[in-house]
Amino acid sequence: MHKKSEGDKLKLSTKGRYGLRALIDLAQYSEEEPVSITSISNRQGISERYLEQLMAKLKKAEIVKSIRGAGGGYILGKDMHEISVGDVLRALEGSLDPVECSGLSAEEGCSASENCVTKYVWQKINDSINQTVDSIMLDQLVEESKQKCCDAGMTQSGKCKN
């Protein structure tokens, strides 16, 4: 995540947005065989080079596994119902806390911490975001994607053309 100047919105970088899209695609298409970076790139409109960087981060976090050789590619490292949006975003972005407050950190501390009540606001915001993304699982997003594709009639050989 990156922070903008006052008045701008806090936003996830393309790492989080594209990485989540790529992982939903991977989950949909890797049930029978590994999925290549090229196929994800073609379906999602994300450059292969960028996808390789994202997959390396997801692999390090054990969210995906790479399969080498002919017919190789990527598969999920865990079952879809075990992977949360929070897991994915933290693997790609790092901490999701939009507010940094040294009063919330036991290691750092803050000279105004004892009398500061705003730290409770920042903690609630941070907790709320983390609880939300941790409660959304990859299998839910795959089902939602399939439903939207079916509703729009956008299937291709029985699979969603995400």
N, C-alpha and C. Protein backbone atom coordinates (compact mmCIF):
# COMPACT_ATOMS: atom_id res chain seq x y z
N MET A 1 0.85 -1.16 0.00
CA MET A 1 0.00 0.00 0.00
C MET A 1 0.90 1.22 0.00
N HIS A 2 0.41 2.26 -0.57
CA HIS A 2 1.17 3.49 -0.51
C HIS A 2 0.26 4.60 -0.02
N LYS A 3 0.88 5.56 0.62
CA LYS A 3 0.10 6.65 1.19
C LYS A 3 0.27 7.87 0.31
N LYS A 4 -0.81 8.55 0.06
CA LYS A 4 -0.79 9.75 -0.78
C LYS A 4 -0.89 10.99 0.10
N SER A 5 -0.79 12.12 -0.52
CA SER A 5 -0.90 13.37 0.23
C SER A 5 -2.31 13.55 0.78
N GLU A 6 -2.45 14.45 1.70
CA GLU A 6 -3.72 14.69 2.36
C GLU A 6 -4.84 14.93 1.35
N GLY A 7 -5.97 14.29 1.55
CA GLY A 7 -7.11 14.45 0.66
C GLY A 7 -7.21 13.34 -0.38
N ASP A 8 -6.10 12.67 -0.66
CA ASP A 8 -6.13 11.54 -1.58
C ASP A 8 -6.56 10.30 -0.82
N LYS A 9 -7.00 9.29 -1.57
CA LYS A 9 -7.43 8.05 -0.95
C LYS A 9 -6.25 7.12 -0.73
N LEU A 10 -6.35 6.31 0.30
CA LEU A 10 -5.39 5.25 0.53
C LEU A 10 -5.73 4.14 -0.46
N LYS A 11 -4.75 3.65 -1.17
CA LYS A 11 -5.02 2.67 -2.22
C LYS A 11 -4.06 1.51 -2.15
N LEU A 12 -4.55 0.35 -2.59
CA LEU A 12 -3.68 -0.79 -2.80
C LEU A 12 -2.92 -0.54 -4.08
N SER A 13 -1.69 -1.00 -4.15
CA SER A 13 -0.93 -0.87 -5.39
C SER A 13 -1.42 -1.91 -6.40
N THR A 14 -0.87 -1.85 -7.60
CA THR A 14 -1.24 -2.84 -8.61
C THR A 14 -0.80 -4.23 -8.18
N LYS A 15 0.19 -4.33 -7.31
CA LYS A 15 0.61 -5.66 -6.82
C LYS A 15 -0.59 -6.37 -6.19
N GLY A 16 -1.28 -5.69 -5.31
CA GLY A 16 -2.42 -6.30 -4.63
C GLY A 16 -3.59 -6.53 -5.56
N ARG A 17 -3.91 -5.53 -6.37
CA ARG A 17 -5.07 -5.64 -7.26
C ARG A 17 -4.85 -6.69 -8.34
N TYR A 18 -3.73 -6.62 -9.03
CA TYR A 18 -3.45 -7.58 -10.10
C TYR A 18 -3.18 -8.97 -9.54
N GLY A 19 -2.49 -9.02 -8.41
CA GLY A 19 -2.17 -10.31 -7.80
C GLY A 19 -3.42 -11.07 -7.39
N LEU A 20 -4.39 -10.37 -6.84
CA LEU A 20 -5.64 -11.02 -6.45
C LEU A 20 -6.40 -11.51 -7.69
N ARG A 21 -6.44 -10.68 -8.74
CA ARG A 21 -7.07 -11.11 -9.99
C ARG A 21 -6.39 -12.35 -10.56
N ALA A 22 -5.06 -12.34 -10.56
CA ALA A 22 -4.30 -13.47 -11.08
C ALA A 22 -4.56 -14.74 -10.26
N LEU A 23 -4.67 -14.59 -8.95
CA LEU A 23 -4.90 -15.75 -8.10
C LEU A 23 -6.31 -16.32 -8.29
N ILE A 24 -7.29 -15.46 -8.48
CA ILE A 24 -8.65 -15.95 -8.77
C ILE A 24 -8.64 -16.71 -10.08
N ASP A 25 -7.95 -16.18 -11.08
CA ASP A 25 -7.82 -16.84 -12.38
C ASP A 25 -7.14 -18.20 -12.20
N LEU A 26 -6.04 -18.22 -11.47
CA LEU A 26 -5.31 -19.46 -11.22
C LEU A 26 -6.21 -20.49 -10.54
N ALA A 27 -6.96 -20.05 -9.54
CA ALA A 27 -7.85 -20.96 -8.82
C ALA A 27 -8.91 -21.56 -9.74
N GLN A 28 -9.40 -20.76 -10.67
CA GLN A 28 -10.44 -21.24 -11.59
C GLN A 28 -9.90 -22.23 -12.61
N TYR A 29 -8.68 -22.02 -13.06
CA TYR A 29 -8.16 -22.80 -14.17
C TYR A 29 -7.18 -23.89 -13.78
N SER A 30 -6.75 -23.97 -12.53
CA SER A 30 -5.74 -24.96 -12.14
C SER A 30 -6.32 -26.20 -11.50
N GLU A 31 -7.62 -26.38 -11.55
CA GLU A 31 -8.22 -27.56 -10.92
C GLU A 31 -7.77 -28.85 -11.60
N GLU A 32 -7.52 -28.80 -12.91
CA GLU A 32 -7.16 -30.01 -13.65
C GLU A 32 -5.68 -30.08 -14.02
N GLU A 33 -5.04 -28.92 -14.21
CA GLU A 33 -3.63 -28.90 -14.60
C GLU A 33 -3.02 -27.56 -14.23
N PRO A 34 -1.69 -27.53 -14.13
CA PRO A 34 -1.02 -26.25 -13.82
C PRO A 34 -1.35 -25.18 -14.87
N VAL A 35 -1.34 -23.95 -14.43
CA VAL A 35 -1.68 -22.82 -15.31
C VAL A 35 -0.42 -22.02 -15.60
N SER A 36 -0.20 -21.70 -16.87
CA SER A 36 0.98 -20.94 -17.26
C SER A 36 0.77 -19.44 -17.03
N ILE A 37 1.87 -18.76 -16.83
CA ILE A 37 1.86 -17.30 -16.71
C ILE A 37 1.25 -16.69 -17.98
N THR A 38 1.59 -17.26 -19.13
CA THR A 38 1.10 -16.74 -20.42
C THR A 38 -0.42 -16.79 -20.48
N SER A 39 -1.03 -17.88 -20.01
CA SER A 39 -2.49 -17.99 -20.08
C SER A 39 -3.16 -17.00 -19.13
N ILE A 40 -2.60 -16.82 -17.95
CA ILE A 40 -3.16 -15.82 -17.02
C ILE A 40 -3.01 -14.43 -17.63
N SER A 41 -1.85 -14.16 -18.20
CA SER A 41 -1.59 -12.87 -18.83
C SER A 41 -2.60 -12.58 -19.94
N ASN A 42 -2.85 -13.58 -20.77
CA ASN A 42 -3.80 -13.40 -21.88
C ASN A 42 -5.22 -13.14 -21.38
N ARG A 43 -5.65 -13.86 -20.36
CA ARG A 43 -7.01 -13.69 -19.84
C ARG A 43 -7.18 -12.40 -19.06
N GLN A 44 -6.15 -12.02 -18.29
CA GLN A 44 -6.28 -10.89 -17.37
C GLN A 44 -5.70 -9.58 -17.90
N GLY A 45 -4.95 -9.64 -18.98
CA GLY A 45 -4.36 -8.41 -19.52
C GLY A 45 -3.28 -7.83 -18.62
N ILE A 46 -2.52 -8.71 -17.96
CA ILE A 46 -1.43 -8.31 -17.08
C ILE A 46 -0.14 -8.83 -17.72
N SER A 47 0.90 -8.02 -17.74
CA SER A 47 2.14 -8.45 -18.41
C SER A 47 2.72 -9.69 -17.74
N GLU A 48 3.33 -10.56 -18.56
CA GLU A 48 3.93 -11.78 -18.05
C GLU A 48 5.04 -11.47 -17.05
N ARG A 49 5.83 -10.47 -17.36
CA ARG A 49 6.94 -10.11 -16.49
C ARG A 49 6.44 -9.69 -15.10
N TYR A 50 5.37 -8.91 -15.06
CA TYR A 50 4.81 -8.48 -13.78
C TYR A 50 4.20 -9.67 -13.05
N LEU A 51 3.51 -10.55 -13.78
CA LEU A 51 2.93 -11.75 -13.16
C LEU A 51 4.01 -12.63 -12.55
N GLU A 52 5.15 -12.73 -13.20
CA GLU A 52 6.26 -13.53 -12.65
C GLU A 52 6.71 -12.97 -11.31
N GLN A 53 6.77 -11.65 -11.20
CA GLN A 53 7.15 -11.02 -9.93
C GLN A 53 6.10 -11.30 -8.84
N LEU A 54 4.82 -11.20 -9.22
CA LEU A 54 3.74 -11.45 -8.27
C LEU A 54 3.73 -12.90 -7.81
N MET A 55 3.90 -13.82 -8.77
CA MET A 55 3.88 -15.25 -8.44
C MET A 55 5.06 -15.62 -7.55
N ALA A 56 6.20 -14.96 -7.74
CA ALA A 56 7.36 -15.22 -6.88
C ALA A 56 7.03 -14.87 -5.43
N LYS A 57 6.35 -13.76 -5.22
CA LYS A 57 5.95 -13.36 -3.86
C LYS A 57 4.92 -14.34 -3.29
N LEU A 58 3.96 -14.74 -4.12
CA LEU A 58 2.93 -15.69 -3.66
C LEU A 58 3.54 -17.06 -3.39
N LYS A 59 4.52 -17.44 -4.17
CA LYS A 59 5.22 -18.72 -3.95
C LYS A 59 5.98 -18.68 -2.63
N LYS A 60 6.67 -17.58 -2.37
CA LYS A 60 7.42 -17.43 -1.13
C LYS A 60 6.50 -17.55 0.09
N ALA A 61 5.27 -17.06 -0.06
CA ALA A 61 4.28 -17.13 1.02
C ALA A 61 3.53 -18.47 1.02
N GLU A 62 3.93 -19.39 0.13
CA GLU A 62 3.34 -20.72 0.01
C GLU A 62 1.86 -20.70 -0.37
N ILE A 63 1.46 -19.63 -1.05
CA ILE A 63 0.08 -19.53 -1.54
C ILE A 63 -0.05 -20.24 -2.88
N VAL A 64 1.03 -20.23 -3.67
CA VAL A 64 1.07 -20.98 -4.93
C VAL A 64 2.31 -21.86 -4.94
N LYS A 65 2.28 -22.87 -5.82
CA LYS A 65 3.43 -23.74 -6.06
C LYS A 65 3.71 -23.71 -7.55
N SER A 66 4.98 -23.80 -7.90
CA SER A 66 5.33 -23.87 -9.32
C SER A 66 5.64 -25.31 -9.68
N ILE A 67 5.21 -25.70 -10.89
CA ILE A 67 5.46 -27.03 -11.42
C ILE A 67 6.37 -26.84 -12.64
N ARG A 68 7.52 -27.46 -12.62
CA ARG A 68 8.49 -27.31 -13.70
C ARG A 68 8.22 -28.32 -14.82
N GLY A 69 8.80 -28.02 -15.99
CA GLY A 69 8.78 -28.97 -17.10
C GLY A 69 7.63 -28.74 -18.05
N ALA A 70 7.55 -29.63 -19.04
CA ALA A 70 6.48 -29.55 -20.03
C ALA A 70 5.14 -29.66 -19.32
N GLY A 71 4.23 -28.79 -19.69
CA GLY A 71 2.91 -28.79 -19.04
C GLY A 71 2.96 -28.19 -17.65
N GLY A 72 4.07 -27.54 -17.31
CA GLY A 72 4.21 -26.94 -15.99
C GLY A 72 3.47 -25.61 -15.91
N GLY A 73 3.60 -24.99 -14.78
CA GLY A 73 2.94 -23.72 -14.53
C GLY A 73 2.75 -23.57 -13.03
N TYR A 74 1.64 -23.00 -12.65
CA TYR A 74 1.36 -22.76 -11.24
C TYR A 74 0.07 -23.44 -10.82
N ILE A 75 0.05 -23.87 -9.56
CA ILE A 75 -1.15 -24.38 -8.92
C ILE A 75 -1.23 -23.71 -7.55
N LEU A 76 -2.38 -23.83 -6.91
CA LEU A 76 -2.52 -23.29 -5.56
C LEU A 76 -1.69 -24.12 -4.58
N GLY A 77 -1.12 -23.46 -3.61
CA GLY A 77 -0.33 -24.14 -2.59
C GLY A 77 -1.18 -24.69 -1.45
N LYS A 78 -2.41 -24.25 -1.38
CA LYS A 78 -3.36 -24.69 -0.35
C LYS A 78 -4.73 -24.78 -0.99
N ASP A 79 -5.68 -25.36 -0.29
CA ASP A 79 -7.07 -25.37 -0.77
C ASP A 79 -7.60 -23.94 -0.80
N MET A 80 -8.48 -23.68 -1.77
CA MET A 80 -9.06 -22.34 -1.93
C MET A 80 -9.70 -21.82 -0.65
N HIS A 81 -10.35 -22.70 0.09
CA HIS A 81 -11.05 -22.24 1.30
C HIS A 81 -10.10 -21.91 2.45
N GLU A 82 -8.79 -22.20 2.26
CA GLU A 82 -7.80 -21.88 3.28
C GLU A 82 -7.02 -20.59 2.99
N ILE A 83 -7.26 -20.00 1.81
CA ILE A 83 -6.52 -18.80 1.42
C ILE A 83 -7.43 -17.58 1.53
N SER A 84 -7.05 -16.65 2.40
CA SER A 84 -7.87 -15.44 2.56
C SER A 84 -7.31 -14.32 1.69
N VAL A 85 -8.16 -13.35 1.41
CA VAL A 85 -7.73 -12.16 0.69
C VAL A 85 -6.61 -11.48 1.49
N GLY A 86 -6.73 -11.50 2.81
CA GLY A 86 -5.69 -10.92 3.66
C GLY A 86 -4.34 -11.61 3.46
N ASP A 87 -4.34 -12.94 3.36
CA ASP A 87 -3.09 -13.68 3.11
C ASP A 87 -2.44 -13.19 1.82
N VAL A 88 -3.25 -13.06 0.78
CA VAL A 88 -2.76 -12.67 -0.54
C VAL A 88 -2.23 -11.24 -0.51
N LEU A 89 -3.03 -10.33 0.02
CA LEU A 89 -2.62 -8.92 0.04
C LEU A 89 -1.39 -8.69 0.89
N ARG A 90 -1.30 -9.36 2.03
CA ARG A 90 -0.11 -9.19 2.87
C ARG A 90 1.14 -9.78 2.20
N ALA A 91 0.97 -10.90 1.47
CA ALA A 91 2.11 -11.49 0.75
C ALA A 91 2.62 -10.53 -0.32
N LEU A 92 1.71 -9.80 -0.94
CA LEU A 92 2.08 -8.91 -2.05
C LEU A 92 2.40 -7.49 -1.60
N GLU A 93 1.72 -7.00 -0.59
CA GLU A 93 1.82 -5.59 -0.19
C GLU A 93 2.57 -5.37 1.13
N GLY A 94 2.63 -6.39 1.97
CA GLY A 94 3.14 -6.18 3.32
C GLY A 94 1.98 -5.84 4.24
N SER A 95 2.24 -5.09 5.27
CA SER A 95 1.19 -4.73 6.23
C SER A 95 0.06 -3.97 5.54
N LEU A 96 -1.16 -4.26 5.97
CA LEU A 96 -2.34 -3.58 5.41
C LEU A 96 -2.81 -2.44 6.30
N ASP A 97 -2.10 -2.19 7.39
CA ASP A 97 -2.50 -1.12 8.30
C ASP A 97 -2.36 0.23 7.59
N PRO A 98 -3.47 0.96 7.41
CA PRO A 98 -3.38 2.25 6.73
C PRO A 98 -2.84 3.36 7.62
N VAL A 99 -2.85 3.12 8.93
CA VAL A 99 -2.40 4.15 9.86
C VAL A 99 -1.21 3.61 10.65
N GLU A 100 -0.12 4.34 10.59
CA GLU A 100 1.05 3.99 11.40
C GLU A 100 1.06 4.90 12.61
N CYS A 101 1.03 4.29 13.77
CA CYS A 101 1.01 5.04 15.02
C CYS A 101 1.97 4.35 15.97
N SER A 102 3.03 5.04 16.35
CA SER A 102 4.02 4.42 17.23
C SER A 102 3.44 4.11 18.61
N GLY A 103 2.34 4.75 18.96
CA GLY A 103 1.67 4.46 20.23
C GLY A 103 1.04 3.09 20.26
N LEU A 104 0.85 2.47 19.08
CA LEU A 104 0.27 1.13 19.00
C LEU A 104 1.33 0.05 19.08
N SER A 105 2.58 0.44 18.97
CA SER A 105 3.68 -0.52 18.95
C SER A 105 4.39 -0.55 20.29
N ALA A 106 4.46 -1.74 20.88
CA ALA A 106 5.15 -1.88 22.16
C ALA A 106 6.64 -1.61 22.01
N GLU A 107 7.20 -1.96 20.83
CA GLU A 107 8.62 -1.77 20.60
C GLU A 107 8.97 -0.30 20.45
N GLU A 108 8.18 0.42 19.66
CA GLU A 108 8.50 1.82 19.37
C GLU A 108 8.09 2.75 20.48
N GLY A 109 6.82 2.65 20.89
CA GLY A 109 6.30 3.53 21.91
C GLY A 109 6.14 4.96 21.40
N CYS A 110 5.47 5.75 22.17
CA CYS A 110 5.23 7.14 21.79
C CYS A 110 5.17 7.95 23.08
N SER A 111 5.79 9.10 23.09
CA SER A 111 5.82 9.90 24.31
C SER A 111 4.42 10.38 24.72
N ALA A 112 3.51 10.50 23.76
CA ALA A 112 2.15 10.96 24.07
C ALA A 112 1.18 9.80 24.25
N SER A 113 1.67 8.58 24.19
CA SER A 113 0.82 7.39 24.19
C SER A 113 -0.13 7.29 25.38
N GLU A 114 0.34 7.61 26.57
CA GLU A 114 -0.49 7.47 27.76
C GLU A 114 -1.72 8.35 27.73
N ASN A 115 -1.60 9.55 27.17
CA ASN A 115 -2.71 10.50 27.15
C ASN A 115 -3.42 10.56 25.80
N CYS A 116 -2.97 9.77 24.86
CA CYS A 116 -3.52 9.84 23.50
C CYS A 116 -4.71 8.89 23.35
N VAL A 117 -5.84 9.43 22.99
CA VAL A 117 -7.01 8.57 22.78
C VAL A 117 -7.21 8.24 21.30
N THR A 118 -6.57 8.99 20.41
CA THR A 118 -6.76 8.71 18.98
C THR A 118 -6.15 7.39 18.57
N LYS A 119 -5.17 6.89 19.35
CA LYS A 119 -4.57 5.60 18.99
C LYS A 119 -5.63 4.48 18.97
N TYR A 120 -6.68 4.63 19.76
CA TYR A 120 -7.74 3.62 19.75
C TYR A 120 -8.53 3.67 18.45
N VAL A 121 -8.68 4.86 17.89
CA VAL A 121 -9.33 5.00 16.58
C VAL A 121 -8.49 4.31 15.52
N TRP A 122 -7.17 4.58 15.52
CA TRP A 122 -6.29 4.00 14.51
C TRP A 122 -6.27 2.47 14.64
N GLN A 123 -6.25 1.99 15.87
CA GLN A 123 -6.25 0.54 16.09
C GLN A 123 -7.53 -0.09 15.56
N LYS A 124 -8.68 0.56 15.80
CA LYS A 124 -9.96 0.03 15.31
C LYS A 124 -10.00 -0.01 13.78
N ILE A 125 -9.47 1.05 13.15
CA ILE A 125 -9.43 1.09 11.69
C ILE A 125 -8.54 -0.05 11.17
N ASN A 126 -7.34 -0.17 11.73
CA ASN A 126 -6.43 -1.24 11.32
C ASN A 126 -7.06 -2.61 11.52
N ASP A 127 -7.65 -2.84 12.69
CA ASP A 127 -8.27 -4.14 12.99
C ASP A 127 -9.43 -4.43 12.05
N SER A 128 -10.23 -3.41 11.76
CA SER A 128 -11.39 -3.59 10.89
C SER A 128 -10.97 -4.02 9.48
N ILE A 129 -9.96 -3.37 8.94
CA ILE A 129 -9.48 -3.73 7.61
C ILE A 129 -8.94 -5.15 7.61
N ASN A 130 -8.12 -5.48 8.59
CA ASN A 130 -7.54 -6.82 8.64
C ASN A 130 -8.60 -7.90 8.85
N GLN A 131 -9.57 -7.65 9.71
CA GLN A 131 -10.65 -8.62 9.93
C GLN A 131 -11.47 -8.82 8.66
N THR A 132 -11.72 -7.75 7.93
CA THR A 132 -12.51 -7.84 6.70
C THR A 132 -11.79 -8.68 5.66
N VAL A 133 -10.54 -8.36 5.36
CA VAL A 133 -9.84 -9.12 4.32
C VAL A 133 -9.54 -10.55 4.75
N ASP A 134 -9.42 -10.78 6.05
CA ASP A 134 -9.18 -12.14 6.53
C ASP A 134 -10.45 -13.00 6.51
N SER A 135 -11.60 -12.36 6.42
CA SER A 135 -12.87 -13.10 6.41
C SER A 135 -13.32 -13.48 4.99
N ILE A 136 -12.66 -12.95 3.98
CA ILE A 136 -13.03 -13.25 2.60
C ILE A 136 -12.04 -14.29 2.07
N MET A 137 -12.57 -15.45 1.69
CA MET A 137 -11.71 -16.54 1.25
C MET A 137 -11.73 -16.66 -0.27
N LEU A 138 -10.66 -17.21 -0.81
CA LEU A 138 -10.50 -17.34 -2.25
C LEU A 138 -11.64 -18.13 -2.89
N ASP A 139 -12.11 -19.18 -2.24
CA ASP A 139 -13.20 -19.96 -2.82
C ASP A 139 -14.47 -19.12 -2.98
N GLN A 140 -14.70 -18.17 -2.08
CA GLN A 140 -15.86 -17.28 -2.20
C GLN A 140 -15.73 -16.40 -3.44
N LEU A 141 -14.53 -15.90 -3.69
CA LEU A 141 -14.31 -15.04 -4.85
C LEU A 141 -14.43 -15.83 -6.15
N VAL A 142 -13.96 -17.06 -6.16
CA VAL A 142 -14.09 -17.90 -7.35
C VAL A 142 -15.55 -18.17 -7.64
N GLU A 143 -16.33 -18.48 -6.61
CA GLU A 143 -17.77 -18.72 -6.82
C GLU A 143 -18.46 -17.45 -7.31
N GLU A 144 -18.11 -16.32 -6.73
CA GLU A 144 -18.69 -15.04 -7.15
C GLU A 144 -18.36 -14.76 -8.62
N SER A 145 -17.12 -15.03 -8.99
CA SER A 145 -16.68 -14.81 -10.37
C SER A 145 -17.43 -15.72 -11.33
N LYS A 146 -17.58 -16.99 -10.95
CA LYS A 146 -18.32 -17.94 -11.80
C LYS A 146 -19.76 -17.50 -11.96
N GLN A 147 -20.37 -17.04 -10.87
CA GLN A 147 -21.76 -16.60 -10.92
C GLN A 147 -21.92 -15.39 -11.82
N LYS A 148 -21.02 -14.43 -11.71
CA LYS A 148 -21.09 -13.24 -12.56
C LYS A 148 -20.93 -13.60 -14.03
N CYS A 149 -20.02 -14.52 -14.31
CA CYS A 149 -19.81 -14.94 -15.69
C CYS A 149 -21.03 -15.68 -16.23
N CYS A 150 -21.60 -16.54 -15.40
CA CYS A 150 -22.80 -17.27 -15.82
C CYS A 150 -23.95 -16.31 -16.06
N ASP A 151 -24.11 -15.34 -15.15
CA ASP A 151 -25.17 -14.35 -15.30
C ASP A 151 -25.01 -13.55 -16.59
N ALA A 152 -23.75 -13.28 -16.95
CA ALA A 152 -23.49 -12.49 -18.15
C ALA A 152 -23.36 -13.36 -19.40
N GLY A 153 -23.41 -14.69 -19.22
CA GLY A 153 -23.30 -15.61 -20.35
C GLY A 153 -21.92 -15.60 -20.98
N MET A 154 -20.89 -15.38 -20.17
CA MET A 154 -19.54 -15.26 -20.70
C MET A 154 -18.71 -16.51 -20.41
N THR A 155 -19.21 -17.68 -20.74
CA THR A 155 -18.42 -18.87 -20.50
C THR A 155 -17.70 -19.27 -21.78
N GLN A 156 -16.59 -19.92 -21.59
CA GLN A 156 -15.79 -20.39 -22.70
C GLN A 156 -15.39 -21.82 -22.36
N SER A 157 -15.88 -22.77 -23.11
CA SER A 157 -15.66 -24.19 -22.87
C SER A 157 -15.95 -24.57 -21.41
N GLY A 158 -17.07 -24.07 -20.91
CA GLY A 158 -17.50 -24.43 -19.56
C GLY A 158 -16.80 -23.69 -18.45
N LYS A 159 -15.86 -22.85 -18.76
CA LYS A 159 -15.12 -22.09 -17.74
C LYS A 159 -15.39 -20.61 -17.91
N CYS A 160 -15.27 -19.92 -16.84
CA CYS A 160 -15.50 -18.47 -16.87
C CYS A 160 -14.39 -17.78 -17.65
N LYS A 161 -14.77 -16.91 -18.52
CA LYS A 161 -13.79 -16.09 -19.23
C LYS A 161 -13.60 -14.82 -18.42
N ASN A 162 -12.88 -14.95 -17.32
CA ASN A 162 -12.72 -13.92 -16.32
C ASN A 162 -12.24 -12.64 -16.91
